[in-house]
N, C-alpha and C. Protein backbone atom coordinates (compact mmCIF):
# COMPACT_ATOMS: atom_id res chain seq x y z
N ALA A 1 -3.87 21.85 2.49
CA ALA A 1 -5.07 21.20 3.20
C ALA A 1 -5.02 19.86 3.03
N ALA A 2 -4.57 19.27 1.87
CA ALA A 2 -4.50 17.87 1.80
C ALA A 2 -3.26 17.28 2.94
N ILE A 3 -2.18 18.00 2.88
CA ILE A 3 -1.23 17.73 4.04
C ILE A 3 -1.74 17.71 5.50
N ASP A 4 -2.55 19.03 5.69
CA ASP A 4 -3.34 18.98 7.04
C ASP A 4 -4.03 17.74 7.44
N HIS A 5 -4.94 17.45 5.91
CA HIS A 5 -5.58 16.17 6.50
C HIS A 5 -4.86 14.73 6.52
N LEU A 6 -3.87 14.78 6.04
CA LEU A 6 -3.05 13.43 6.18
C LEU A 6 -2.40 13.46 7.67
N VAL A 7 -2.10 14.62 8.14
CA VAL A 7 -1.31 14.70 9.44
C VAL A 7 -2.43 14.33 10.53
N ALA A 8 -3.70 15.02 10.21
CA ALA A 8 -4.84 14.74 11.29
C ALA A 8 -5.10 13.22 11.07
N TYR A 9 -4.99 12.58 10.14
CA TYR A 9 -5.57 11.32 9.99
C TYR A 9 -4.80 10.69 10.68
N VAL A 10 -3.38 10.75 10.77
CA VAL A 10 -2.34 9.85 11.60
C VAL A 10 -2.52 10.22 13.02
N ARG A 11 -2.61 11.44 13.27
CA ARG A 11 -2.83 11.91 14.74
C ARG A 11 -4.03 11.17 15.38
N GLY A 12 -4.79 11.14 14.50
CA GLY A 12 -6.23 10.68 14.98
C GLY A 12 -6.11 8.99 15.03
N GLY A 13 -4.94 8.44 14.51
CA GLY A 13 -5.01 7.24 14.94
C GLY A 13 -4.79 6.00 13.45
N GLY A 14 -4.68 7.05 12.25
CA GLY A 14 -4.81 6.17 11.28
C GLY A 14 -3.32 5.74 10.61
N THR A 15 -3.25 4.91 9.85
CA THR A 15 -1.88 4.50 9.59
C THR A 15 -1.83 5.25 7.99
N LEU A 16 -0.44 5.76 7.82
CA LEU A 16 -0.19 6.31 6.61
C LEU A 16 1.39 5.58 6.06
N VAL A 17 1.35 5.30 4.65
CA VAL A 17 2.47 4.80 3.97
C VAL A 17 2.56 5.83 3.00
N SER A 18 3.69 6.50 3.04
CA SER A 18 3.76 7.39 1.96
C SER A 18 5.02 7.25 1.01
N GLY A 19 4.90 7.80 -0.09
CA GLY A 19 6.34 7.31 -1.00
C GLY A 19 6.95 8.94 -1.20
N PHE A 20 8.13 8.67 -1.82
CA PHE A 20 8.98 9.58 -2.32
C PHE A 20 8.16 10.63 -3.32
N LEU A 21 8.61 11.89 -3.03
CA LEU A 21 8.18 13.08 -3.54
C LEU A 21 6.79 13.53 -3.19
N THR A 22 6.35 13.05 -1.94
CA THR A 22 4.96 13.56 -1.61
C THR A 22 5.23 14.45 -0.64
N GLY A 23 4.53 15.52 -1.26
CA GLY A 23 4.67 16.96 -0.37
C GLY A 23 5.81 17.55 -0.96
N VAL A 24 6.45 17.26 -1.95
CA VAL A 24 7.61 17.96 -2.27
C VAL A 24 6.94 19.39 -3.07
N ALA A 25 6.06 19.14 -3.63
CA ALA A 25 5.61 20.58 -4.36
C ALA A 25 4.38 21.51 -3.80
N ASP A 26 4.15 22.41 -3.96
CA ASP A 26 3.19 23.40 -2.92
C ASP A 26 2.13 23.52 -4.04
N GLU A 27 0.76 23.80 -3.77
CA GLU A 27 -0.21 23.95 -4.37
C GLU A 27 -0.25 24.63 -5.90
N ASP A 28 1.17 25.49 -6.00
CA ASP A 28 1.29 26.36 -7.29
C ASP A 28 2.59 25.34 -8.11
N ASP A 29 2.88 24.26 -7.43
CA ASP A 29 3.86 23.05 -8.25
C ASP A 29 5.03 23.77 -8.33
N ARG A 30 5.36 24.52 -7.29
CA ARG A 30 6.97 24.63 -6.93
C ARG A 30 7.38 23.89 -5.89
N VAL A 31 8.61 23.43 -5.94
CA VAL A 31 9.58 22.71 -5.13
C VAL A 31 9.61 23.42 -3.56
N ARG A 32 9.38 22.56 -2.62
CA ARG A 32 9.74 23.29 -1.49
C ARG A 32 10.79 23.54 -1.05
N ALA A 33 11.48 24.58 -0.23
CA ALA A 33 12.75 24.13 0.50
C ALA A 33 12.68 23.27 1.46
N GLY A 34 13.70 22.57 1.17
CA GLY A 34 13.86 21.54 2.24
C GLY A 34 13.32 19.92 1.30
N GLY A 35 13.00 20.11 0.46
CA GLY A 35 12.64 18.66 -0.22
C GLY A 35 11.50 18.12 0.26
N MET A 36 10.82 18.52 1.35
CA MET A 36 9.42 18.22 1.80
C MET A 36 9.03 18.89 2.63
N ASP A 37 7.22 19.30 2.53
CA ASP A 37 6.58 20.15 3.52
C ASP A 37 7.06 19.77 4.92
N GLY A 38 7.50 20.80 5.89
CA GLY A 38 7.90 20.61 7.14
C GLY A 38 6.76 19.79 7.79
N ARG A 39 5.63 19.94 7.66
CA ARG A 39 4.52 19.18 8.39
C ARG A 39 4.68 17.68 8.30
N LEU A 40 4.74 17.39 7.08
CA LEU A 40 5.25 15.76 6.70
C LEU A 40 6.67 15.04 7.19
N ARG A 41 7.49 16.34 7.29
CA ARG A 41 8.92 15.81 7.83
C ARG A 41 8.75 15.81 9.39
N GLU A 42 7.95 16.16 10.13
CA GLU A 42 7.79 16.14 11.55
C GLU A 42 7.27 14.94 11.68
N LEU A 43 6.03 14.58 10.64
CA LEU A 43 5.07 13.53 11.11
C LEU A 43 5.82 11.96 10.68
N PHE A 44 6.71 12.06 9.91
CA PHE A 44 7.64 11.12 9.54
C PHE A 44 8.90 10.88 10.56
N GLY A 45 9.22 12.05 11.44
CA GLY A 45 10.39 12.13 12.24
C GLY A 45 11.40 12.00 11.24
N ILE A 46 11.48 12.94 10.11
CA ILE A 46 12.68 13.43 9.24
C ILE A 46 13.00 14.59 9.52
N ARG A 47 14.61 14.93 9.82
CA ARG A 47 15.03 16.50 10.11
C ARG A 47 14.91 16.93 8.57
N THR A 48 15.62 16.12 7.84
CA THR A 48 15.57 16.81 6.33
C THR A 48 16.11 15.90 5.57
N VAL A 49 15.92 16.36 4.13
CA VAL A 49 15.78 15.32 3.02
C VAL A 49 17.21 16.28 2.54
N HIS A 50 18.41 15.77 2.56
CA HIS A 50 19.70 16.48 2.06
C HIS A 50 20.15 16.42 0.47
N GLU A 51 19.40 15.43 0.01
CA GLU A 51 19.66 15.01 -1.51
C GLU A 51 18.81 14.12 -2.23
N TRP A 52 18.43 14.38 -3.51
CA TRP A 52 17.72 13.45 -4.04
C TRP A 52 18.57 12.72 -4.95
N TRP A 53 18.46 11.34 -5.23
CA TRP A 53 19.21 10.68 -6.25
C TRP A 53 18.41 9.72 -6.82
N PRO A 54 17.80 10.42 -8.02
CA PRO A 54 16.78 9.69 -9.40
C PRO A 54 18.05 8.67 -9.72
N LEU A 55 17.57 7.46 -9.96
CA LEU A 55 18.07 6.27 -10.66
C LEU A 55 18.31 6.16 -11.75
N ASP A 56 18.99 5.91 -12.71
CA ASP A 56 18.51 5.50 -14.42
C ASP A 56 17.74 4.34 -14.36
N PRO A 57 17.22 4.21 -15.44
CA PRO A 57 16.05 3.10 -15.91
C PRO A 57 16.76 1.94 -15.56
N ASP A 58 18.27 1.50 -15.70
CA ASP A 58 18.43 0.16 -15.36
C ASP A 58 19.40 -0.02 -13.96
N GLU A 59 19.26 1.14 -13.40
CA GLU A 59 20.07 1.18 -12.09
C GLU A 59 19.28 0.88 -10.72
N THR A 60 19.88 -0.17 -9.84
CA THR A 60 19.11 -0.34 -8.76
C THR A 60 20.13 -0.10 -7.59
N VAL A 61 19.36 -0.03 -6.53
CA VAL A 61 20.71 0.25 -5.25
C VAL A 61 19.92 -1.21 -4.42
N GLU A 62 20.75 -1.50 -3.29
CA GLU A 62 20.72 -2.34 -2.34
C GLU A 62 20.07 -1.80 -1.40
N CYS A 63 19.35 -2.48 -0.61
CA CYS A 63 18.48 -2.23 0.67
C CYS A 63 18.77 -3.55 1.65
N ASP A 64 18.23 -3.51 2.61
CA ASP A 64 18.16 -4.41 3.78
C ASP A 64 17.38 -5.46 2.92
N GLY A 65 17.85 -6.74 2.52
CA GLY A 65 16.98 -7.69 2.23
C GLY A 65 15.91 -7.59 0.47
N PHE A 66 16.78 -6.64 -0.08
CA PHE A 66 15.99 -6.04 -1.31
C PHE A 66 16.59 -5.29 -2.39
N ARG A 67 16.15 -5.10 -3.41
CA ARG A 67 16.74 -4.19 -4.29
C ARG A 67 15.58 -3.07 -4.82
N ALA A 68 16.31 -1.93 -5.08
CA ALA A 68 15.08 -0.84 -5.07
C ALA A 68 15.54 -0.13 -6.79
N SER A 69 14.55 0.56 -7.06
CA SER A 69 14.89 1.18 -8.47
C SER A 69 14.25 2.89 -8.40
N LEU A 70 14.35 3.53 -9.60
CA LEU A 70 13.71 4.78 -9.78
C LEU A 70 14.21 5.76 -9.04
N TRP A 71 14.63 5.55 -7.56
CA TRP A 71 14.61 6.78 -6.76
C TRP A 71 15.56 6.78 -5.43
N SER A 72 15.85 7.41 -5.00
CA SER A 72 16.58 7.35 -3.61
C SER A 72 16.82 8.65 -3.12
N GLU A 73 17.21 8.70 -1.52
CA GLU A 73 17.16 10.07 -0.76
C GLU A 73 18.08 9.96 0.23
N GLU A 74 18.68 11.13 0.79
CA GLU A 74 19.64 10.99 1.62
C GLU A 74 18.86 11.51 2.82
N LEU A 75 18.40 10.82 3.69
CA LEU A 75 17.61 11.39 4.87
C LEU A 75 18.54 11.45 5.97
N GLU A 76 18.15 12.53 6.93
CA GLU A 76 18.35 12.68 8.04
C GLU A 76 17.35 12.79 9.02
N LEU A 77 17.00 11.93 10.03
CA LEU A 77 16.15 11.88 10.90
C LEU A 77 16.39 12.39 11.99
N SER A 78 15.10 12.73 12.58
CA SER A 78 14.99 13.67 13.96
C SER A 78 14.56 12.44 15.20
N THR A 79 13.27 12.10 14.84
CA THR A 79 12.78 11.16 15.94
C THR A 79 12.70 10.05 15.27
N GLY A 80 12.36 9.72 13.81
CA GLY A 80 11.98 8.66 13.13
C GLY A 80 12.90 7.44 13.21
N GLU A 81 12.45 6.04 12.83
CA GLU A 81 13.17 5.00 13.27
C GLU A 81 13.64 4.31 11.90
N SER A 82 14.70 4.36 11.66
CA SER A 82 15.25 3.43 10.20
C SER A 82 14.61 2.29 10.35
N VAL A 83 13.89 1.72 9.25
CA VAL A 83 13.63 0.34 9.50
C VAL A 83 14.10 -0.44 8.42
N THR A 84 14.49 0.25 7.45
CA THR A 84 15.47 -0.44 6.16
C THR A 84 16.32 0.60 5.93
N SER A 85 17.84 0.31 5.51
CA SER A 85 18.90 1.02 5.31
C SER A 85 19.05 0.60 3.89
N TYR A 86 19.60 1.73 3.29
CA TYR A 86 20.49 1.27 1.91
C TYR A 86 21.70 0.52 2.11
N ARG A 87 22.00 -0.37 1.28
CA ARG A 87 23.04 -1.05 1.20
C ARG A 87 24.26 -0.74 0.44
N SER A 88 24.17 -0.11 -0.56
CA SER A 88 25.15 0.27 -1.61
C SER A 88 25.06 1.72 -1.87
N GLY A 89 26.40 1.97 -2.78
CA GLY A 89 26.73 3.19 -2.91
C GLY A 89 26.80 4.24 -1.83
N GLU A 90 26.77 5.71 -2.34
CA GLU A 90 26.97 6.78 -1.54
C GLU A 90 25.98 7.11 -0.41
N LEU A 91 24.95 6.06 -0.58
CA LEU A 91 23.78 6.02 0.73
C LEU A 91 23.71 4.91 1.75
N ALA A 92 25.16 4.12 1.53
CA ALA A 92 25.21 3.13 2.27
C ALA A 92 25.05 3.35 3.74
N GLY A 93 24.11 2.75 4.47
CA GLY A 93 23.85 2.95 5.85
C GLY A 93 22.86 3.87 6.18
N LEU A 94 22.41 4.55 5.45
CA LEU A 94 21.32 5.60 5.64
C LEU A 94 19.87 5.10 5.41
N PRO A 95 18.84 5.60 6.15
CA PRO A 95 17.71 5.02 6.02
C PRO A 95 17.09 5.27 4.63
N ALA A 96 16.08 4.02 4.32
CA ALA A 96 15.59 3.96 2.88
C ALA A 96 13.79 4.15 3.32
N VAL A 97 13.56 3.12 4.60
CA VAL A 97 12.26 3.35 4.84
C VAL A 97 12.24 3.51 6.40
N VAL A 98 11.73 4.50 6.08
CA VAL A 98 11.39 5.28 7.91
C VAL A 98 9.55 5.12 8.61
N ARG A 99 9.90 4.85 10.03
CA ARG A 99 8.69 4.82 10.75
C ARG A 99 8.66 5.64 11.69
N GLU A 100 7.64 6.70 11.84
CA GLU A 100 7.45 7.32 13.22
C GLU A 100 5.93 6.97 13.62
N GLY A 101 5.79 6.19 14.79
CA GLY A 101 4.51 5.49 15.12
C GLY A 101 3.88 5.06 13.65
N ARG A 102 2.65 5.48 13.46
CA ARG A 102 1.88 4.71 12.48
C ARG A 102 2.22 5.50 11.05
N ALA A 103 3.14 6.27 10.91
CA ALA A 103 3.17 7.22 9.87
C ALA A 103 4.54 6.41 9.24
N TRP A 104 4.53 5.83 8.14
CA TRP A 104 6.07 5.36 7.31
C TRP A 104 6.04 6.19 6.08
N TYR A 105 7.53 6.32 5.66
CA TYR A 105 7.99 7.09 4.53
C TYR A 105 8.87 6.06 3.87
N VAL A 106 8.72 5.88 2.57
CA VAL A 106 9.32 4.94 1.64
C VAL A 106 10.40 5.69 0.52
N SER A 107 11.56 6.10 0.79
CA SER A 107 12.15 7.01 -0.06
C SER A 107 12.76 6.34 -1.27
N THR A 108 12.23 5.12 -1.70
CA THR A 108 13.03 4.50 -2.68
C THR A 108 11.65 3.41 -3.37
N LEU A 109 11.60 2.87 -4.46
CA LEU A 109 10.82 1.92 -5.19
C LEU A 109 11.17 0.62 -4.87
N PRO A 110 10.89 -0.23 -3.60
CA PRO A 110 11.22 -1.69 -3.73
C PRO A 110 10.95 -2.59 -4.84
N GLU A 111 11.74 -3.55 -4.85
CA GLU A 111 11.11 -4.21 -6.17
C GLU A 111 9.78 -5.14 -5.49
N PRO A 112 8.77 -5.39 -6.42
CA PRO A 112 7.57 -5.61 -6.06
C PRO A 112 7.34 -6.36 -4.78
N GLU A 113 8.29 -7.49 -4.87
CA GLU A 113 7.75 -8.71 -3.55
C GLU A 113 8.11 -7.95 -2.39
N ALA A 114 9.20 -7.24 -2.56
CA ALA A 114 9.69 -6.47 -1.13
C ALA A 114 8.23 -5.71 -0.66
N LEU A 115 8.01 -4.93 -1.75
CA LEU A 115 7.08 -3.73 -1.65
C LEU A 115 5.67 -4.11 -0.97
N ARG A 116 5.19 -5.61 -1.40
CA ARG A 116 4.07 -6.43 -1.11
C ARG A 116 4.57 -6.72 0.49
N GLY A 117 5.60 -7.02 0.66
CA GLY A 117 5.83 -7.58 2.16
C GLY A 117 5.88 -6.50 2.84
N LEU A 118 6.36 -5.23 2.65
CA LEU A 118 6.37 -3.93 3.54
C LEU A 118 5.08 -3.51 3.86
N LEU A 119 4.29 -3.58 2.69
CA LEU A 119 2.74 -2.92 2.54
C LEU A 119 1.85 -4.07 3.55
N ALA A 120 2.17 -5.47 3.27
CA ALA A 120 1.30 -6.50 4.08
C ALA A 120 1.78 -6.36 5.94
N ARG A 121 3.20 -5.90 5.97
CA ARG A 121 3.54 -5.82 7.27
C ARG A 121 2.73 -4.65 7.83
N VAL A 122 2.72 -3.67 7.59
CA VAL A 122 2.09 -2.25 7.79
C VAL A 122 0.56 -2.47 7.88
N ALA A 123 -0.05 -3.30 7.05
CA ALA A 123 -1.56 -3.57 7.04
C ALA A 123 -1.68 -4.49 8.52
N ASP A 124 -0.96 -5.45 8.38
CA ASP A 124 -1.05 -6.08 9.37
C ASP A 124 -0.77 -5.48 10.94
N GLY A 125 -0.05 -4.78 11.26
CA GLY A 125 0.27 -3.82 12.37
C GLY A 125 -1.11 -3.01 12.48
N ALA A 126 -1.63 -2.47 11.58
CA ALA A 126 -2.79 -1.52 11.45
C ALA A 126 -4.17 -2.34 11.50
N GLY A 127 -4.02 -3.54 12.11
CA GLY A 127 -5.38 -4.44 12.04
C GLY A 127 -6.06 -4.66 10.72
N VAL A 128 -5.35 -4.44 9.42
CA VAL A 128 -6.42 -4.68 8.13
C VAL A 128 -6.37 -6.02 7.79
N ARG A 129 -7.58 -6.77 7.77
CA ARG A 129 -7.45 -8.23 7.13
C ARG A 129 -8.08 -7.97 5.88
N PRO A 130 -7.63 -9.17 4.83
CA PRO A 130 -8.31 -9.22 3.58
C PRO A 130 -9.85 -9.25 3.51
N THR A 131 -10.56 -8.78 2.69
CA THR A 131 -12.08 -9.15 2.76
C THR A 131 -12.15 -10.42 2.45
N LEU A 132 -11.16 -11.10 1.44
CA LEU A 132 -11.61 -12.56 1.43
C LEU A 132 -9.92 -13.43 1.23
N GLU A 133 -9.82 -14.21 2.56
CA GLU A 133 -8.92 -15.18 2.07
C GLU A 133 -8.64 -15.86 1.16
N GLY A 134 -7.46 -16.20 0.40
CA GLY A 134 -6.88 -17.18 -0.66
C GLY A 134 -7.33 -16.73 -2.12
N LEU A 135 -7.51 -15.17 -2.14
CA LEU A 135 -7.91 -15.11 -3.74
C LEU A 135 -6.97 -15.41 -4.52
N PRO A 136 -7.25 -15.89 -5.47
CA PRO A 136 -6.36 -15.87 -6.79
C PRO A 136 -5.55 -14.49 -7.35
N ALA A 137 -4.43 -14.63 -8.03
CA ALA A 137 -3.91 -13.39 -8.27
C ALA A 137 -4.64 -12.86 -9.59
N GLY A 138 -4.65 -11.50 -9.04
CA GLY A 138 -5.47 -10.79 -9.93
C GLY A 138 -7.22 -10.54 -9.97
N VAL A 139 -7.37 -11.21 -8.56
CA VAL A 139 -9.01 -11.10 -8.18
C VAL A 139 -8.97 -10.16 -7.00
N GLU A 140 -9.84 -9.15 -7.41
CA GLU A 140 -10.32 -8.30 -6.21
C GLU A 140 -11.64 -8.52 -5.35
N ALA A 141 -11.56 -8.23 -4.15
CA ALA A 141 -12.70 -8.36 -3.24
C ALA A 141 -12.74 -7.05 -2.36
N VAL A 142 -14.12 -6.48 -2.40
CA VAL A 142 -14.48 -5.62 -1.92
C VAL A 142 -15.93 -5.70 -1.55
N ARG A 143 -16.03 -5.48 0.12
CA ARG A 143 -17.71 -5.79 0.47
C ARG A 143 -17.87 -4.11 0.59
N ARG A 144 -19.33 -4.15 0.33
CA ARG A 144 -20.13 -2.70 0.31
C ARG A 144 -21.36 -3.39 1.20
N GLY A 145 -21.44 -3.18 2.30
CA GLY A 145 -22.80 -3.25 3.24
C GLY A 145 -22.87 -5.05 3.14
N GLU A 146 -23.79 -5.35 2.85
CA GLU A 146 -24.27 -6.91 2.72
C GLU A 146 -23.95 -7.67 1.36
N LEU A 147 -23.29 -6.65 0.42
CA LEU A 147 -22.59 -7.33 -0.90
C LEU A 147 -21.28 -7.52 -0.87
N LEU A 148 -20.52 -8.76 -1.62
CA LEU A 148 -19.69 -8.67 -1.87
C LEU A 148 -19.01 -8.65 -3.13
N PHE A 149 -18.11 -7.79 -3.66
CA PHE A 149 -18.14 -7.47 -5.32
C PHE A 149 -16.54 -8.41 -5.34
N LEU A 150 -16.70 -9.07 -6.32
CA LEU A 150 -15.45 -9.80 -6.83
C LEU A 150 -15.28 -9.60 -8.16
N LEU A 151 -13.94 -8.85 -8.49
CA LEU A 151 -13.49 -8.32 -9.81
C LEU A 151 -12.17 -9.29 -10.43
N ASN A 152 -12.29 -9.52 -11.60
CA ASN A 152 -11.35 -10.48 -11.88
C ASN A 152 -10.45 -9.30 -13.22
N HIS A 153 -9.43 -8.78 -12.54
CA HIS A 153 -8.67 -8.10 -13.43
C HIS A 153 -7.92 -8.76 -14.25
N GLY A 154 -7.86 -10.43 -14.43
CA GLY A 154 -6.50 -11.04 -15.08
C GLY A 154 -7.86 -11.37 -16.44
N GLY A 155 -6.62 -11.87 -17.34
CA GLY A 155 -7.22 -12.22 -18.87
C GLY A 155 -7.87 -13.86 -18.89
N LYS A 156 -7.96 -14.53 -17.89
CA LYS A 156 -8.35 -15.54 -18.08
C LYS A 156 -9.63 -16.08 -16.79
N ALA A 157 -10.23 -17.17 -17.13
CA ALA A 157 -11.43 -17.22 -16.11
C ALA A 157 -10.82 -17.79 -15.06
N LEU A 158 -11.38 -17.70 -13.71
CA LEU A 158 -10.94 -18.20 -12.65
C LEU A 158 -12.10 -18.61 -11.61
N THR A 159 -11.84 -19.66 -10.74
CA THR A 159 -12.81 -20.21 -9.79
C THR A 159 -12.36 -19.52 -8.39
N VAL A 160 -13.03 -18.94 -8.07
CA VAL A 160 -12.74 -18.16 -6.43
C VAL A 160 -13.55 -18.86 -5.30
N PRO A 161 -12.73 -19.48 -4.50
CA PRO A 161 -13.54 -19.80 -3.34
C PRO A 161 -14.31 -18.82 -2.41
N VAL A 162 -15.54 -19.21 -2.27
CA VAL A 162 -16.33 -18.41 -0.97
C VAL A 162 -17.15 -19.27 -0.32
N ALA A 163 -16.81 -19.07 0.72
CA ALA A 163 -17.43 -19.89 2.36
C ALA A 163 -18.97 -19.79 1.98
N GLY A 164 -19.44 -21.07 2.11
CA GLY A 164 -21.13 -20.58 2.64
C GLY A 164 -21.52 -20.53 1.62
N ARG A 165 -23.17 -20.07 1.77
CA ARG A 165 -24.23 -20.11 0.79
C ARG A 165 -24.19 -18.36 0.28
N HIS A 166 -24.47 -18.21 -1.03
CA HIS A 166 -24.81 -17.03 -1.63
C HIS A 166 -25.83 -16.84 -2.41
N HIS A 167 -26.18 -15.58 -2.89
CA HIS A 167 -26.74 -15.25 -3.99
C HIS A 167 -26.12 -14.84 -5.11
N GLU A 168 -25.95 -14.97 -6.29
CA GLU A 168 -25.31 -14.11 -7.21
C GLU A 168 -26.07 -13.29 -7.71
N VAL A 169 -25.83 -11.80 -7.50
CA VAL A 169 -27.15 -10.84 -7.80
C VAL A 169 -27.09 -10.42 -9.19
N LEU A 170 -25.84 -10.54 -10.02
CA LEU A 170 -25.72 -10.06 -11.55
C LEU A 170 -26.62 -11.05 -12.22
N GLY A 171 -26.27 -12.33 -12.03
CA GLY A 171 -26.71 -13.69 -12.74
C GLY A 171 -28.22 -14.25 -12.08
N ASP A 172 -28.47 -13.61 -10.91
CA ASP A 172 -29.88 -14.00 -10.18
C ASP A 172 -29.70 -15.73 -10.17
N ARG A 173 -28.49 -15.99 -9.19
CA ARG A 173 -28.29 -17.61 -9.22
C ARG A 173 -27.84 -18.03 -7.84
N PRO A 174 -28.17 -19.18 -7.51
CA PRO A 174 -27.37 -19.68 -6.00
C PRO A 174 -26.20 -20.11 -6.35
N VAL A 175 -25.18 -19.65 -5.29
CA VAL A 175 -23.43 -19.84 -5.41
C VAL A 175 -23.19 -20.69 -4.10
N GLU A 176 -22.44 -21.65 -4.12
CA GLU A 176 -22.19 -22.47 -2.89
C GLU A 176 -20.67 -22.78 -2.99
N GLY A 177 -20.14 -22.39 -2.24
CA GLY A 177 -18.31 -22.89 -1.99
C GLY A 177 -17.28 -22.18 -3.30
N SER A 178 -17.93 -21.99 -4.33
CA SER A 178 -17.03 -21.19 -5.03
C SER A 178 -18.05 -20.37 -5.85
N VAL A 179 -17.28 -19.21 -6.72
CA VAL A 179 -18.01 -18.45 -7.99
C VAL A 179 -16.92 -18.77 -8.95
N GLU A 180 -17.42 -18.86 -10.46
CA GLU A 180 -16.68 -18.80 -11.51
C GLU A 180 -16.52 -17.23 -11.78
N LEU A 181 -15.61 -16.76 -12.25
CA LEU A 181 -15.21 -15.39 -12.79
C LEU A 181 -14.60 -15.42 -14.21
N GLU A 182 -15.56 -14.94 -14.89
CA GLU A 182 -14.88 -14.86 -16.50
C GLU A 182 -13.78 -13.83 -16.44
N ARG A 183 -13.22 -14.29 -17.77
CA ARG A 183 -11.65 -13.16 -17.71
C ARG A 183 -12.38 -11.92 -17.76
N HIS A 184 -11.92 -11.13 -17.23
CA HIS A 184 -12.33 -9.62 -16.73
C HIS A 184 -13.79 -9.63 -16.15
N GLY A 185 -14.07 -10.49 -15.68
CA GLY A 185 -15.53 -10.59 -15.04
C GLY A 185 -15.65 -10.08 -13.58
N VAL A 186 -16.74 -10.00 -13.53
CA VAL A 186 -17.63 -9.33 -11.86
C VAL A 186 -18.61 -10.31 -11.60
N ALA A 187 -18.75 -10.55 -10.27
CA ALA A 187 -19.46 -11.43 -9.52
C ALA A 187 -20.24 -10.26 -7.98
N VAL A 188 -21.39 -10.35 -7.92
CA VAL A 188 -21.99 -9.59 -6.83
C VAL A 188 -22.52 -10.34 -5.99
N LEU A 189 -21.91 -10.95 -4.71
CA LEU A 189 -22.54 -12.05 -4.12
C LEU A 189 -23.55 -11.30 -2.80
N ARG A 190 -24.51 -11.78 -2.21
CA ARG A 190 -25.33 -11.72 -1.03
C ARG A 190 -25.51 -12.71 -0.35
N GLU A 191 -24.81 -12.80 0.90
CA GLU A 191 -25.10 -14.04 1.74
C GLU A 191 -26.32 -14.69 1.69
N ALA A 192 -26.66 -15.97 1.41
CA ALA A 192 -27.70 -16.38 1.48
C ALA A 192 -28.45 -16.54 2.94
N THR A 193 -29.76 -16.26 3.22
CA THR A 193 -30.48 -16.14 4.20
C THR A 193 -30.49 -17.62 4.64
N PRO A 194 -29.72 -18.34 5.76
CA PRO A 194 -30.11 -19.92 6.01
C PRO A 194 -31.15 -19.82 6.49
N ILE A 195 -31.78 -21.34 6.09
CA ILE A 195 -33.33 -21.67 6.28
C ILE A 195 -33.22 -22.39 7.54
N THR A 196 -34.13 -22.00 8.39
CA THR A 196 -34.24 -22.52 9.85
C THR A 196 -35.25 -23.47 9.44
N PRO A 197 -35.20 -24.79 10.31
CA PRO A 197 -36.54 -25.67 10.07
C PRO A 197 -37.50 -25.30 11.02
C-alpha cells in the first residue's frame, strides 16, 4: 500500500526523492526478487538492479563531482535519465542518481554538501521555497497557518532575522527585525497587525 501511495503521489504531480533500499523488502521483510519492487523500478525508469555493492566504513566511490559512501548499486535503466554517474571502480560509467520525470532515485550516499545540493536542485525544480530565507545553521522554520515556529537545534544562542513586526506568542512580547533564540530554544511568531492611521 505504501508503494501504491508513492506511485500515486508522483503520478498526481508530486516530486519524490528516494534512496537505496527503498522498496527492497515486502510487508513480511522478505527481500524482493529483482532488488526493488517492480512498481518503483517502473516509476524511476530502472529496468533492474543487477548488483548491490555495500561499501566498507572507510570506503568511498567517486561520482560526477562528489564522493559517496555506505552503498552503491549496479543499475540498468529502461526510461530513466542518468543524472550522475559513478566514476570509479567496477561501477565506473553506470548511473548513481537517476531521474524519471518527478521521481529521483539515489543509489549511494553522497557526501553531505553534494546531498544538500542535489536536494536543493530537486526542491527548486518542484517550486519549493524556504519558509524563511537566510536562517542560521541549525535553525528550522515551520509555518502553520498564521504562526511561524522557529526552532534552534544548536547548542548556542542565535539571532534570527525576521522581516517586519511580529508578536512572539510564547513570551507575549513584540518582535521587530529579529528574534533571539536560546540554545535549543523555540519562538512562535504571529505577524503583527499593521496599525492604520
